Amino acid sequence: MEKLKTLQVKNQDVVGLRDLWIKKFETDIELFNIQIKEQGKGLTDSQIQEKYKDIYRQNRDLAQDAAEQNMALYKRSR
């Protein structure tokens, strides 16, 4: 993750996209750590998703936004 954060990029569109993916990956890591902790307490995946639904929603929104921005950048660069 640190390599991504310190990657030097000149194009502002790419910088914004990189930062968005970093947020997405950080949320993935947070959810992974939550799953490990909560499964150790005996919660099921469904219970974990319900308990942390805001973080899961944020993660889905980040993924969708990043995918849309990837496509937009791809179309502009063609």
C-alpha atoms as a PDB file:
ATOM      1  CA  MET A   1       0.000   0.000   0.000  1.00  0.00           C
ATOM      2  CA  GLU A   2       2.852   2.377   0.787  1.00  0.00           C
ATOM      3  CA  LYS A   3       4.260   1.966  -2.720  1.00  0.00           C
ATOM      4  CA  LEU A   4       0.922   3.033  -4.168  1.00  0.00           C
ATOM      5  CA  LYS A   5       0.731   6.045  -1.872  1.00  0.00           C
ATOM      6  CA  THR A   6       4.200   7.258  -2.804  1.00  0.00           C
ATOM      7  CA  LEU A   7       3.932   6.484  -6.528  1.00  0.00           C
ATOM      8  CA  GLN A   8       4.717   9.670  -8.443  1.00  0.00           C
ATOM      9  CA  VAL A   9       2.078  10.389 -11.073  1.00  0.00           C
ATOM     10  CA  LYS A  10       1.883  13.513 -13.230  1.00  0.00           C
ATOM     11  CA  ASN A  11      -1.638  13.114 -14.598  1.00  0.00           C
ATOM     12  CA  GLN A  12      -4.240  14.448 -12.141  1.00  0.00           C
ATOM     13  CA  ASP A  13      -6.892  12.024 -13.408  1.00  0.00           C
ATOM     14  CA  VAL A  14      -4.577   9.135 -12.611  1.00  0.00           C
ATOM     15  CA  VAL A  15      -3.733  10.626  -9.203  1.00  0.00           C
ATOM     16  CA  GLY A  16      -7.416  10.821  -8.322  1.00  0.00           C
ATOM     17  CA  LEU A  17      -8.032   7.281  -9.505  1.00  0.00           C
ATOM     18  CA  ARG A  18      -5.001   5.996  -7.588  1.00  0.00           C
ATOM     19  CA  ASP A  19      -6.225   7.676  -4.404  1.00  0.00           C
ATOM     20  CA  LEU A  20      -9.693   6.209  -4.876  1.00  0.00           C
ATOM     21  CA  TRP A  21      -8.272   2.695  -5.274  1.00  0.00           C
ATOM     22  CA  ILE A  22      -6.118   3.216  -2.178  1.00  0.00           C
ATOM     23  CA  LYS A  23      -9.268   4.051  -0.184  1.00  0.00           C
ATOM     24  CA  LYS A  24     -10.951   0.947  -1.609  1.00  0.00           C
ATOM     25  CA  PHE A  25      -8.012  -1.284  -0.684  1.00  0.00           C
ATOM     26  CA  GLU A  26      -7.847   0.204   2.822  1.00  0.00           C
ATOM     27  CA  THR A  27     -11.545  -0.556   3.258  1.00  0.00           C
ATOM     28  CA  ASP A  28     -10.938  -4.120   2.008  1.00  0.00           C
ATOM     29  CA  ILE A  29      -8.218  -4.552   4.626  1.00  0.00           C
ATOM     30  CA  GLU A  30     -10.455  -3.115   7.342  1.00  0.00           C
ATOM     31  CA  LEU A  31     -13.251  -5.540   6.396  1.00  0.00           C
ATOM     32  CA  PHE A  32     -10.819  -8.456   6.330  1.00  0.00           C
ATOM     33  CA  ASN A  33      -9.623  -7.601   9.845  1.00  0.00           C
ATOM     34  CA  ILE A  34     -13.225  -7.250  11.034  1.00  0.00           C
ATOM     35  CA  GLN A  35     -14.090 -10.677   9.606  1.00  0.00           C
ATOM     36  CA  ILE A  36     -11.153 -12.300  11.374  1.00  0.00           C
ATOM     37  CA  LYS A  37     -12.076 -10.665  14.679  1.00  0.00           C
ATOM     38  CA  GLU A  38     -15.801 -11.363  14.482  1.00  0.00           C
ATOM     39  CA  GLN A  39     -15.528 -14.935  13.200  1.00  0.00           C
ATOM     40  CA  GLY A  40     -13.340 -15.600  16.216  1.00  0.00           C
ATOM     41  CA  LYS A  41     -16.350 -14.570  18.291  1.00  0.00           C
ATOM     42  CA  GLY A  42     -18.565 -17.026  16.410  1.00  0.00           C
ATOM     43  CA  LEU A  43     -20.460 -14.617  14.140  1.00  0.00           C
ATOM     44  CA  THR A  44     -21.517 -15.784  10.680  1.00  0.00           C
ATOM     45  CA  ASP A  45     -20.739 -13.834   7.498  1.00  0.00           C
ATOM     46  CA  SER A  46     -24.351 -12.642   7.360  1.00  0.00           C
ATOM     47  CA  GLN A  47     -24.220 -11.396  10.939  1.00  0.00           C
ATOM     48  CA  ILE A  48     -20.937  -9.607  10.283  1.00  0.00           C
ATOM     49  CA  GLN A  49     -22.326  -7.953   7.146  1.00  0.00           C
ATOM     50  CA  GLU A  50     -25.379  -6.765   9.060  1.00  0.00           C
ATOM     51  CA  LYS A  51     -23.333  -5.480  11.998  1.00  0.00           C
ATOM     52  CA  TYR A  52     -20.923  -3.576   9.730  1.00  0.00           C
ATOM     53  CA  LYS A  53     -23.339  -2.740   6.918  1.00  0.00           C
ATOM     54  CA  ASP A  54     -22.136   0.873   6.658  1.00  0.00           C
ATOM     55  CA  ILE A  55     -18.550  -0.208   5.983  1.00  0.00           C
ATOM     56  CA  TYR A  56     -19.727  -2.825   3.480  1.00  0.00           C
ATOM     57  CA  ARG A  57     -21.855  -0.190   1.732  1.00  0.00           C
ATOM     58  CA  GLN A  58     -18.915   2.215   1.624  1.00  0.00           C
ATOM     59  CA  ASN A  59     -16.754  -0.550   0.164  1.00  0.00           C
ATOM     60  CA  ARG A  60     -19.306  -1.319  -2.579  1.00  0.00           C
ATOM     61  CA  ASP A  61     -19.666   2.387  -3.381  1.00  0.00           C
ATOM     62  CA  LEU A  62     -15.896   2.822  -3.620  1.00  0.00           C
ATOM     63  CA  ALA A  63     -15.630  -0.211  -5.905  1.00  0.00           C
ATOM     64  CA  GLN A  64     -18.380   1.062  -8.179  1.00  0.00           C
ATOM     65  CA  ASP A  65     -16.952   4.580  -8.284  1.00  0.00           C
ATOM     66  CA  ALA A  66     -13.454   3.288  -9.030  1.00  0.00           C
ATOM     67  CA  ALA A  67     -14.725   1.028 -11.812  1.00  0.00           C
ATOM     68  CA  GLU A  68     -16.678   3.890 -13.393  1.00  0.00           C
ATOM     69  CA  GLN A  69     -13.683   6.225 -13.188  1.00  0.00           C
ATOM     70  CA  ASN A  70     -11.429   3.522 -14.661  1.00  0.00           C
ATOM     71  CA  MET A  71     -13.768   3.203 -17.632  1.00  0.00           C
ATOM     72  CA  ALA A  72     -14.033   6.972 -18.070  1.00  0.00           C
ATOM     73  CA  LEU A  73     -10.249   7.365 -18.004  1.00  0.00           C
ATOM     74  CA  TYR A  74      -9.875   4.496 -20.469  1.00  0.00           C
ATOM     75  CA  LYS A  75     -12.365   6.105 -22.866  1.00  0.00           C
ATOM     76  CA  ARG A  76     -10.637   9.496 -22.625  1.00  0.00           C
ATOM     77  CA  SER A  77      -7.223   7.978 -23.267  1.00  0.00           C
ATOM     78  CA  ARG A  78      -8.249   6.097 -26.434  1.00  0.00           C
END
